[in-house]
Amino acid sequence: MKKMAIVALCTVCALAASAEGACELKKDHGPKLDPVVVAVFNPKIAKALELTEEQKEKLARLKENKVVVKALRQQISQGMQKQAEALKSGDVDMAALDKIVDEVWSARRELAKIQIRRLVEVKSILTCGQIKKAREMFKCGKSKKGCACGGGSCEGGACKKTE
């Protein structure tokens, strides 16, 4: 029990330190998105993938759960802030803290399920060639020097950097 309290206190200290710059709390809301999903929803990359009208319609339907995703991320952020506040107080109510932790992890679990479903659906909509091209273009765009950012061009999924 004492060991758990120490671990919780360390977690709270880290959260409290990052709470001053709330951006730190907002960064970790669950699993990271697959590059293919991110790339497909980037307008420049989506255009380069030459999606069919049917693919565009199916992908547009996947965006409909944005409100749910936003609400889950907000719930996670608020829960983490509640954890930090609860741990800052002199008298820690472990039952209340356990409830907050459960709520945060429930939201994280639901968010992960949504993201996994979206990944599977996106990959079922795209062709193998489009998936490969999306991955390459995403890598290119992440470099801040390539196609997705306007500093070069991607041809056939390969980044052609311009000097």
N, C-alpha and C. Protein backbone atom coordinates (compact mmCIF):
# COMPACT_ATOMS: atom_id res chain seq x y z
N MET A 1 0.83 -1.19 0.00
CA MET A 1 0.00 0.00 0.00
C MET A 1 0.87 1.26 0.00
N LYS A 2 1.93 1.22 0.82
CA LYS A 2 2.83 2.37 0.91
C LYS A 2 3.54 2.58 -0.43
N LYS A 3 3.93 1.47 -1.05
CA LYS A 3 4.61 1.55 -2.35
C LYS A 3 3.69 2.15 -3.40
N MET A 4 2.40 1.75 -3.38
CA MET A 4 1.43 2.27 -4.33
C MET A 4 1.24 3.78 -4.12
N ALA A 5 1.21 4.20 -2.88
CA ALA A 5 1.04 5.62 -2.57
C ALA A 5 2.22 6.43 -3.09
N ILE A 6 3.42 5.88 -2.97
CA ILE A 6 4.62 6.56 -3.45
C ILE A 6 4.58 6.69 -4.97
N VAL A 7 4.19 5.61 -5.65
CA VAL A 7 4.09 5.64 -7.11
C VAL A 7 3.03 6.65 -7.53
N ALA A 8 1.91 6.66 -6.84
CA ALA A 8 0.85 7.61 -7.15
C ALA A 8 1.33 9.04 -6.93
N LEU A 9 2.07 9.26 -5.85
CA LEU A 9 2.57 10.59 -5.54
C LEU A 9 3.55 11.06 -6.62
N CYS A 10 4.40 10.17 -7.06
CA CYS A 10 5.35 10.51 -8.14
C CYS A 10 4.59 10.86 -9.41
N THR A 11 3.55 10.10 -9.71
CA THR A 11 2.74 10.36 -10.90
C THR A 11 2.09 11.73 -10.80
N VAL A 12 1.56 12.02 -9.62
CA VAL A 12 0.91 13.31 -9.41
C VAL A 12 1.91 14.45 -9.55
N CYS A 13 3.09 14.27 -8.99
CA CYS A 13 4.11 15.32 -9.10
C CYS A 13 4.43 15.60 -10.57
N ALA A 14 4.54 14.53 -11.34
CA ALA A 14 4.82 14.70 -12.76
C ALA A 14 3.66 15.39 -13.46
N LEU A 15 2.44 14.98 -13.12
CA LEU A 15 1.26 15.61 -13.71
C LEU A 15 1.15 17.07 -13.29
N ALA A 16 1.40 17.31 -12.01
CA ALA A 16 1.29 18.69 -11.51
C ALA A 16 2.32 19.58 -12.18
N ALA A 17 3.51 19.05 -12.37
CA ALA A 17 4.56 19.84 -13.02
C ALA A 17 4.17 20.17 -14.45
N SER A 18 3.51 19.21 -15.10
CA SER A 18 3.12 19.47 -16.49
C SER A 18 1.79 20.22 -16.57
N ALA A 19 1.05 20.28 -15.48
CA ALA A 19 -0.25 20.97 -15.51
C ALA A 19 -0.08 22.46 -15.75
N GLU A 20 1.07 23.00 -15.37
CA GLU A 20 1.31 24.43 -15.60
C GLU A 20 1.28 24.72 -17.08
N GLY A 21 1.85 23.84 -17.87
CA GLY A 21 1.77 23.95 -19.33
C GLY A 21 0.82 22.86 -19.78
N ALA A 22 -0.47 23.12 -19.75
CA ALA A 22 -1.50 22.11 -19.97
C ALA A 22 -1.31 21.31 -21.25
N CYS A 23 -0.50 21.80 -22.16
CA CYS A 23 -0.27 21.06 -23.40
C CYS A 23 0.30 19.68 -23.11
N GLU A 24 1.07 19.55 -22.07
CA GLU A 24 1.65 18.26 -21.74
C GLU A 24 0.56 17.25 -21.41
N LEU A 25 -0.49 17.68 -20.72
CA LEU A 25 -1.57 16.77 -20.37
C LEU A 25 -2.35 16.35 -21.61
N LYS A 26 -2.40 17.18 -22.60
CA LYS A 26 -3.19 16.91 -23.78
C LYS A 26 -2.48 16.03 -24.78
N LYS A 27 -1.20 15.83 -24.63
CA LYS A 27 -0.44 15.07 -25.62
C LYS A 27 -0.75 13.58 -25.58
N ASP A 28 -1.02 13.01 -24.42
CA ASP A 28 -1.15 11.56 -24.31
C ASP A 28 -2.59 11.17 -24.05
N HIS A 29 -3.33 10.95 -25.11
CA HIS A 29 -4.72 10.57 -24.97
C HIS A 29 -4.97 9.15 -25.45
N GLY A 30 -3.96 8.37 -25.52
CA GLY A 30 -4.15 7.01 -25.98
C GLY A 30 -3.17 6.67 -27.08
N PRO A 31 -3.45 5.60 -27.79
CA PRO A 31 -2.53 5.14 -28.82
C PRO A 31 -2.39 6.15 -29.95
N LYS A 32 -1.23 6.18 -30.52
CA LYS A 32 -0.97 7.09 -31.64
C LYS A 32 -1.66 6.54 -32.89
N LEU A 33 -2.07 7.45 -33.74
CA LEU A 33 -2.72 7.04 -34.97
C LEU A 33 -1.72 6.46 -35.95
N ASP A 34 -2.19 5.53 -36.73
CA ASP A 34 -1.39 4.93 -37.77
C ASP A 34 -1.12 5.98 -38.85
N PRO A 35 0.08 6.00 -39.40
CA PRO A 35 0.41 6.97 -40.44
C PRO A 35 -0.54 6.93 -41.63
N VAL A 36 -1.08 5.77 -41.95
CA VAL A 36 -1.99 5.65 -43.09
C VAL A 36 -3.27 6.45 -42.81
N VAL A 37 -3.79 6.33 -41.59
CA VAL A 37 -5.00 7.06 -41.23
C VAL A 37 -4.75 8.56 -41.27
N VAL A 38 -3.64 8.97 -40.69
CA VAL A 38 -3.29 10.40 -40.68
C VAL A 38 -3.13 10.90 -42.11
N ALA A 39 -2.42 10.14 -42.92
CA ALA A 39 -2.15 10.56 -44.30
C ALA A 39 -3.42 10.68 -45.12
N VAL A 40 -4.32 9.72 -44.98
CA VAL A 40 -5.54 9.72 -45.77
C VAL A 40 -6.40 10.95 -45.48
N PHE A 41 -6.36 11.42 -44.26
CA PHE A 41 -7.16 12.58 -43.90
C PHE A 41 -6.43 13.91 -44.14
N ASN A 42 -5.22 13.84 -44.69
CA ASN A 42 -4.49 15.03 -45.12
C ASN A 42 -4.94 15.31 -46.55
N PRO A 43 -5.57 16.47 -46.81
CA PRO A 43 -6.13 16.73 -48.14
C PRO A 43 -5.14 16.58 -49.29
N LYS A 44 -3.89 17.02 -49.11
CA LYS A 44 -2.91 16.92 -50.19
C LYS A 44 -2.58 15.46 -50.50
N ILE A 45 -2.42 14.68 -49.45
CA ILE A 45 -2.09 13.27 -49.67
C ILE A 45 -3.30 12.53 -50.23
N ALA A 46 -4.48 12.81 -49.68
CA ALA A 46 -5.69 12.15 -50.17
C ALA A 46 -5.87 12.40 -51.67
N LYS A 47 -5.60 13.63 -52.11
CA LYS A 47 -5.72 13.95 -53.53
C LYS A 47 -4.72 13.14 -54.35
N ALA A 48 -3.50 13.05 -53.86
CA ALA A 48 -2.45 12.31 -54.58
C ALA A 48 -2.74 10.82 -54.66
N LEU A 49 -3.55 10.31 -53.74
CA LEU A 49 -3.87 8.88 -53.75
C LEU A 49 -4.89 8.52 -54.83
N GLU A 50 -5.46 9.56 -55.45
CA GLU A 50 -6.44 9.36 -56.52
C GLU A 50 -7.56 8.43 -56.06
N LEU A 51 -8.21 8.83 -54.98
CA LEU A 51 -9.31 8.05 -54.41
C LEU A 51 -10.51 8.06 -55.36
N THR A 52 -11.21 6.94 -55.40
CA THR A 52 -12.45 6.88 -56.17
C THR A 52 -13.53 7.60 -55.38
N GLU A 53 -14.65 7.91 -56.04
CA GLU A 53 -15.76 8.57 -55.34
C GLU A 53 -16.27 7.68 -54.21
N GLU A 54 -16.34 6.38 -54.46
CA GLU A 54 -16.79 5.44 -53.43
C GLU A 54 -15.85 5.47 -52.22
N GLN A 55 -14.55 5.49 -52.46
CA GLN A 55 -13.58 5.55 -51.37
C GLN A 55 -13.74 6.86 -50.59
N LYS A 56 -13.93 7.97 -51.30
CA LYS A 56 -14.11 9.27 -50.65
C LYS A 56 -15.32 9.25 -49.73
N GLU A 57 -16.42 8.68 -50.21
CA GLU A 57 -17.64 8.61 -49.41
C GLU A 57 -17.44 7.77 -48.16
N LYS A 58 -16.80 6.62 -48.31
CA LYS A 58 -16.56 5.74 -47.17
C LYS A 58 -15.64 6.41 -46.14
N LEU A 59 -14.60 7.08 -46.63
CA LEU A 59 -13.68 7.77 -45.72
C LEU A 59 -14.35 8.94 -45.02
N ALA A 60 -15.24 9.62 -45.73
CA ALA A 60 -15.97 10.75 -45.13
C ALA A 60 -16.83 10.26 -43.97
N ARG A 61 -17.42 9.08 -44.10
CA ARG A 61 -18.24 8.52 -43.02
C ARG A 61 -17.40 8.23 -41.77
N LEU A 62 -16.13 7.92 -41.97
CA LEU A 62 -15.26 7.63 -40.82
C LEU A 62 -14.99 8.89 -39.99
N LYS A 63 -15.12 10.05 -40.60
CA LYS A 63 -14.88 11.30 -39.89
C LYS A 63 -16.05 11.67 -38.98
N GLU A 64 -17.19 11.02 -39.15
CA GLU A 64 -18.39 11.38 -38.42
C GLU A 64 -18.26 11.21 -36.91
N ASN A 65 -17.35 10.37 -36.45
CA ASN A 65 -17.22 10.16 -35.00
C ASN A 65 -16.24 11.13 -34.34
N LYS A 66 -15.92 12.22 -35.04
CA LYS A 66 -14.99 13.23 -34.49
C LYS A 66 -15.50 13.80 -33.17
N VAL A 67 -16.81 14.00 -33.06
CA VAL A 67 -17.38 14.57 -31.85
C VAL A 67 -17.15 13.62 -30.67
N VAL A 68 -17.34 12.34 -30.91
CA VAL A 68 -17.13 11.34 -29.85
C VAL A 68 -15.66 11.31 -29.44
N VAL A 69 -14.77 11.34 -30.41
CA VAL A 69 -13.33 11.32 -30.14
C VAL A 69 -12.92 12.56 -29.35
N LYS A 70 -13.43 13.70 -29.74
CA LYS A 70 -13.10 14.94 -29.04
C LYS A 70 -13.59 14.88 -27.60
N ALA A 71 -14.80 14.37 -27.39
CA ALA A 71 -15.35 14.26 -26.04
C ALA A 71 -14.51 13.30 -25.18
N LEU A 72 -14.07 12.19 -25.77
CA LEU A 72 -13.24 11.24 -25.02
C LEU A 72 -11.90 11.87 -24.65
N ARG A 73 -11.30 12.59 -25.57
CA ARG A 73 -10.02 13.25 -25.27
C ARG A 73 -10.18 14.29 -24.17
N GLN A 74 -11.29 15.00 -24.21
CA GLN A 74 -11.56 15.99 -23.17
C GLN A 74 -11.78 15.31 -21.82
N GLN A 75 -12.49 14.19 -21.84
CA GLN A 75 -12.73 13.42 -20.61
C GLN A 75 -11.41 12.92 -20.03
N ILE A 76 -10.51 12.47 -20.87
CA ILE A 76 -9.20 12.00 -20.41
C ILE A 76 -8.42 13.15 -19.80
N SER A 77 -8.38 14.27 -20.49
CA SER A 77 -7.65 15.43 -20.00
C SER A 77 -8.20 15.90 -18.66
N GLN A 78 -9.51 16.00 -18.56
CA GLN A 78 -10.13 16.43 -17.30
C GLN A 78 -9.86 15.43 -16.19
N GLY A 79 -9.92 14.15 -16.51
CA GLY A 79 -9.64 13.13 -15.52
C GLY A 79 -8.21 13.20 -14.99
N MET A 80 -7.28 13.46 -15.90
CA MET A 80 -5.88 13.57 -15.48
C MET A 80 -5.69 14.80 -14.60
N GLN A 81 -6.40 15.88 -14.92
CA GLN A 81 -6.32 17.07 -14.08
C GLN A 81 -6.92 16.80 -12.70
N LYS A 82 -8.03 16.04 -12.67
CA LYS A 82 -8.65 15.68 -11.39
C LYS A 82 -7.69 14.84 -10.56
N GLN A 83 -6.97 13.92 -11.22
CA GLN A 83 -5.98 13.09 -10.52
C GLN A 83 -4.93 13.97 -9.88
N ALA A 84 -4.41 14.90 -10.64
CA ALA A 84 -3.37 15.79 -10.13
C ALA A 84 -3.88 16.60 -8.95
N GLU A 85 -5.10 17.13 -9.07
CA GLU A 85 -5.67 17.92 -7.98
C GLU A 85 -5.90 17.07 -6.74
N ALA A 86 -6.41 15.85 -6.93
CA ALA A 86 -6.67 14.96 -5.81
C ALA A 86 -5.38 14.58 -5.09
N LEU A 87 -4.33 14.40 -5.84
CA LEU A 87 -3.06 14.03 -5.23
C LEU A 87 -2.38 15.21 -4.56
N LYS A 88 -2.71 16.43 -5.00
CA LYS A 88 -2.13 17.62 -4.38
C LYS A 88 -2.73 17.88 -3.00
N SER A 89 -3.98 17.46 -2.82
CA SER A 89 -4.63 17.72 -1.53
C SER A 89 -3.93 16.93 -0.43
N GLY A 90 -3.97 17.48 0.76
CA GLY A 90 -3.27 16.86 1.89
C GLY A 90 -3.78 15.48 2.23
N ASP A 91 -5.09 15.30 2.18
CA ASP A 91 -5.70 14.02 2.54
C ASP A 91 -6.22 13.34 1.28
N VAL A 92 -5.51 12.32 0.82
CA VAL A 92 -5.86 11.64 -0.43
C VAL A 92 -6.92 10.58 -0.17
N ASP A 93 -8.03 10.71 -0.86
CA ASP A 93 -9.12 9.74 -0.78
C ASP A 93 -8.87 8.69 -1.87
N MET A 94 -8.34 7.55 -1.48
CA MET A 94 -7.94 6.53 -2.45
C MET A 94 -9.13 6.00 -3.24
N ALA A 95 -10.30 5.87 -2.59
CA ALA A 95 -11.47 5.38 -3.31
C ALA A 95 -11.86 6.35 -4.42
N ALA A 96 -11.83 7.64 -4.13
CA ALA A 96 -12.15 8.65 -5.14
C ALA A 96 -11.09 8.66 -6.23
N LEU A 97 -9.83 8.53 -5.84
CA LEU A 97 -8.74 8.51 -6.81
C LEU A 97 -8.85 7.29 -7.72
N ASP A 98 -9.18 6.13 -7.13
CA ASP A 98 -9.36 4.92 -7.93
C ASP A 98 -10.48 5.10 -8.94
N LYS A 99 -11.54 5.77 -8.54
CA LYS A 99 -12.67 6.01 -9.44
C LYS A 99 -12.24 6.90 -10.61
N ILE A 100 -11.47 7.93 -10.32
CA ILE A 100 -10.99 8.83 -11.38
C ILE A 100 -10.09 8.07 -12.34
N VAL A 101 -9.18 7.25 -11.81
CA VAL A 101 -8.28 6.45 -12.65
C VAL A 101 -9.09 5.52 -13.54
N ASP A 102 -10.11 4.88 -12.97
CA ASP A 102 -10.95 3.98 -13.76
C ASP A 102 -11.66 4.73 -14.89
N GLU A 103 -12.14 5.95 -14.60
CA GLU A 103 -12.82 6.75 -15.62
C GLU A 103 -11.86 7.12 -16.76
N VAL A 104 -10.64 7.51 -16.39
CA VAL A 104 -9.66 7.88 -17.41
C VAL A 104 -9.33 6.68 -18.28
N TRP A 105 -9.08 5.53 -17.67
CA TRP A 105 -8.72 4.36 -18.45
C TRP A 105 -9.88 3.82 -19.26
N SER A 106 -11.09 4.02 -18.78
CA SER A 106 -12.27 3.63 -19.56
C SER A 106 -12.35 4.47 -20.83
N ALA A 107 -12.12 5.77 -20.69
CA ALA A 107 -12.14 6.66 -21.86
C ALA A 107 -10.98 6.32 -22.80
N ARG A 108 -9.80 6.03 -22.25
CA ARG A 108 -8.65 5.65 -23.09
C ARG A 108 -8.94 4.36 -23.87
N ARG A 109 -9.58 3.41 -23.17
CA ARG A 109 -9.91 2.13 -23.81
C ARG A 109 -10.89 2.35 -24.97
N GLU A 110 -11.91 3.18 -24.74
CA GLU A 110 -12.89 3.45 -25.78
C GLU A 110 -12.25 4.19 -26.96
N LEU A 111 -11.38 5.13 -26.67
CA LEU A 111 -10.67 5.86 -27.71
C LEU A 111 -9.79 4.91 -28.53
N ALA A 112 -9.11 4.01 -27.87
CA ALA A 112 -8.27 3.04 -28.57
C ALA A 112 -9.10 2.15 -29.49
N LYS A 113 -10.27 1.74 -29.03
CA LYS A 113 -11.15 0.91 -29.86
C LYS A 113 -11.59 1.67 -31.11
N ILE A 114 -11.94 2.93 -30.93
CA ILE A 114 -12.36 3.75 -32.08
C ILE A 114 -11.21 3.89 -33.07
N GLN A 115 -10.01 4.16 -32.56
CA GLN A 115 -8.86 4.34 -33.45
C GLN A 115 -8.49 3.05 -34.18
N ILE A 116 -8.58 1.93 -33.49
CA ILE A 116 -8.28 0.64 -34.13
C ILE A 116 -9.32 0.33 -35.20
N ARG A 117 -10.59 0.56 -34.88
CA ARG A 117 -11.64 0.33 -35.88
C ARG A 117 -11.42 1.20 -37.11
N ARG A 118 -11.06 2.47 -36.87
CA ARG A 118 -10.83 3.39 -37.98
C ARG A 118 -9.67 2.90 -38.85
N LEU A 119 -8.60 2.45 -38.22
CA LEU A 119 -7.45 1.94 -38.96
C LEU A 119 -7.84 0.75 -39.83
N VAL A 120 -8.56 -0.20 -39.25
CA VAL A 120 -8.97 -1.38 -39.99
C VAL A 120 -9.88 -0.98 -41.15
N GLU A 121 -10.81 -0.06 -40.89
CA GLU A 121 -11.72 0.37 -41.95
C GLU A 121 -10.98 1.11 -43.07
N VAL A 122 -10.06 2.00 -42.70
CA VAL A 122 -9.30 2.74 -43.71
C VAL A 122 -8.53 1.76 -44.57
N LYS A 123 -7.87 0.80 -43.95
CA LYS A 123 -7.07 -0.16 -44.71
C LYS A 123 -7.94 -1.06 -45.58
N SER A 124 -9.20 -1.27 -45.17
CA SER A 124 -10.10 -2.09 -46.00
C SER A 124 -10.64 -1.28 -47.19
N ILE A 125 -10.63 0.04 -47.08
CA ILE A 125 -11.13 0.92 -48.14
C ILE A 125 -10.07 1.14 -49.22
N LEU A 126 -8.82 1.30 -48.78
CA LEU A 126 -7.73 1.60 -49.72
C LEU A 126 -7.18 0.34 -50.37
N THR A 127 -6.56 0.52 -51.52
CA THR A 127 -5.85 -0.58 -52.17
C THR A 127 -4.46 -0.69 -51.52
N CYS A 128 -3.80 -1.80 -51.77
CA CYS A 128 -2.44 -1.99 -51.24
C CYS A 128 -1.51 -0.88 -51.74
N GLY A 129 -1.63 -0.53 -53.00
CA GLY A 129 -0.80 0.53 -53.56
C GLY A 129 -1.05 1.88 -52.91
N GLN A 130 -2.31 2.17 -52.61
CA GLN A 130 -2.64 3.44 -51.95
C GLN A 130 -2.11 3.47 -50.52
N ILE A 131 -2.16 2.34 -49.84
CA ILE A 131 -1.63 2.27 -48.47
C ILE A 131 -0.13 2.54 -48.49
N LYS A 132 0.56 1.88 -49.41
CA LYS A 132 2.01 2.07 -49.52
C LYS A 132 2.35 3.53 -49.84
N LYS A 133 1.62 4.10 -50.77
CA LYS A 133 1.86 5.49 -51.18
C LYS A 133 1.56 6.44 -50.02
N ALA A 134 0.48 6.18 -49.28
CA ALA A 134 0.12 7.03 -48.13
C ALA A 134 1.21 7.00 -47.08
N ARG A 135 1.76 5.81 -46.82
CA ARG A 135 2.86 5.70 -45.83
C ARG A 135 4.08 6.51 -46.26
N GLU A 136 4.44 6.36 -47.52
CA GLU A 136 5.60 7.08 -48.03
C GLU A 136 5.39 8.59 -47.98
N MET A 137 4.21 9.02 -48.38
CA MET A 137 3.93 10.45 -48.40
C MET A 137 3.85 11.01 -46.98
N PHE A 138 3.37 10.20 -46.05
CA PHE A 138 3.31 10.64 -44.65
C PHE A 138 4.73 10.85 -44.13
N LYS A 139 5.60 9.90 -44.41
CA LYS A 139 7.01 10.03 -43.98
C LYS A 139 7.62 11.28 -44.58
N CYS A 140 7.35 11.49 -45.84
CA CYS A 140 7.86 12.64 -46.57
C CYS A 140 7.37 13.93 -45.91
N GLY A 141 6.09 13.99 -45.60
CA GLY A 141 5.50 15.18 -44.99
C GLY A 141 5.98 15.42 -43.58
N LYS A 142 6.28 14.35 -42.83
CA LYS A 142 6.74 14.48 -41.45
C LYS A 142 8.10 15.14 -41.38
N SER A 143 8.86 15.06 -42.46
CA SER A 143 10.20 15.63 -42.46
C SER A 143 10.18 17.15 -42.52
N LYS A 144 9.02 17.74 -42.77
CA LYS A 144 8.85 19.19 -42.91
C LYS A 144 9.61 19.74 -44.11
N LYS A 145 10.12 18.86 -44.94
CA LYS A 145 10.86 19.31 -46.12
C LYS A 145 10.24 18.75 -47.39
N GLY A 146 9.24 17.86 -47.23
CA GLY A 146 8.79 17.14 -48.40
C GLY A 146 7.42 17.52 -48.89
N CYS A 147 6.86 16.63 -49.66
CA CYS A 147 5.66 16.86 -50.45
C CYS A 147 4.47 17.39 -49.67
N ALA A 148 4.11 16.76 -48.58
CA ALA A 148 2.90 17.15 -47.88
C ALA A 148 3.00 18.56 -47.33
N CYS A 149 4.19 19.05 -47.17
CA CYS A 149 4.38 20.41 -46.63
C CYS A 149 4.70 21.41 -47.72
N GLY A 150 4.80 20.95 -48.95
CA GLY A 150 5.03 21.87 -50.05
C GLY A 150 6.49 22.14 -50.38
N GLY A 151 7.43 21.47 -49.73
CA GLY A 151 8.84 21.74 -49.98
C GLY A 151 9.47 20.83 -50.99
N GLY A 152 8.72 19.96 -51.60
CA GLY A 152 9.24 19.03 -52.59
C GLY A 152 8.08 18.42 -53.32
N SER A 153 8.26 17.24 -53.88
CA SER A 153 7.14 16.60 -54.55
C SER A 153 7.21 15.11 -54.31
N CYS A 154 6.05 14.49 -54.29
CA CYS A 154 5.98 13.04 -54.16
C CYS A 154 5.45 12.49 -55.47
N GLU A 155 6.20 11.59 -56.02
CA GLU A 155 5.79 10.94 -57.27
C GLU A 155 5.76 9.45 -57.03
N GLY A 156 4.59 8.86 -57.17
CA GLY A 156 4.47 7.42 -56.97
C GLY A 156 4.79 7.02 -55.54
N GLY A 157 4.56 7.91 -54.60
CA GLY A 157 4.81 7.60 -53.20
C GLY A 157 6.23 7.86 -52.76
N ALA A 158 7.10 8.23 -53.68
CA ALA A 158 8.49 8.51 -53.31
C ALA A 158 8.70 10.01 -53.25
N CYS A 159 9.37 10.45 -52.23
CA CYS A 159 9.60 11.88 -52.04
C CYS A 159 10.75 12.33 -52.92
N LYS A 160 10.50 13.35 -53.71
CA LYS A 160 11.54 13.97 -54.53
C LYS A 160 11.84 15.31 -53.91
N LYS A 161 12.86 15.35 -53.09
CA LYS A 161 13.18 16.60 -52.40
C LYS A 161 13.81 17.60 -53.35
N THR A 162 13.37 18.85 -53.18
CA THR A 162 13.95 19.92 -53.98
C THR A 162 14.84 20.75 -53.09
N GLU A 163 15.94 21.16 -53.61
CA GLU A 163 16.90 21.94 -52.82
C GLU A 163 16.64 23.41 -52.98
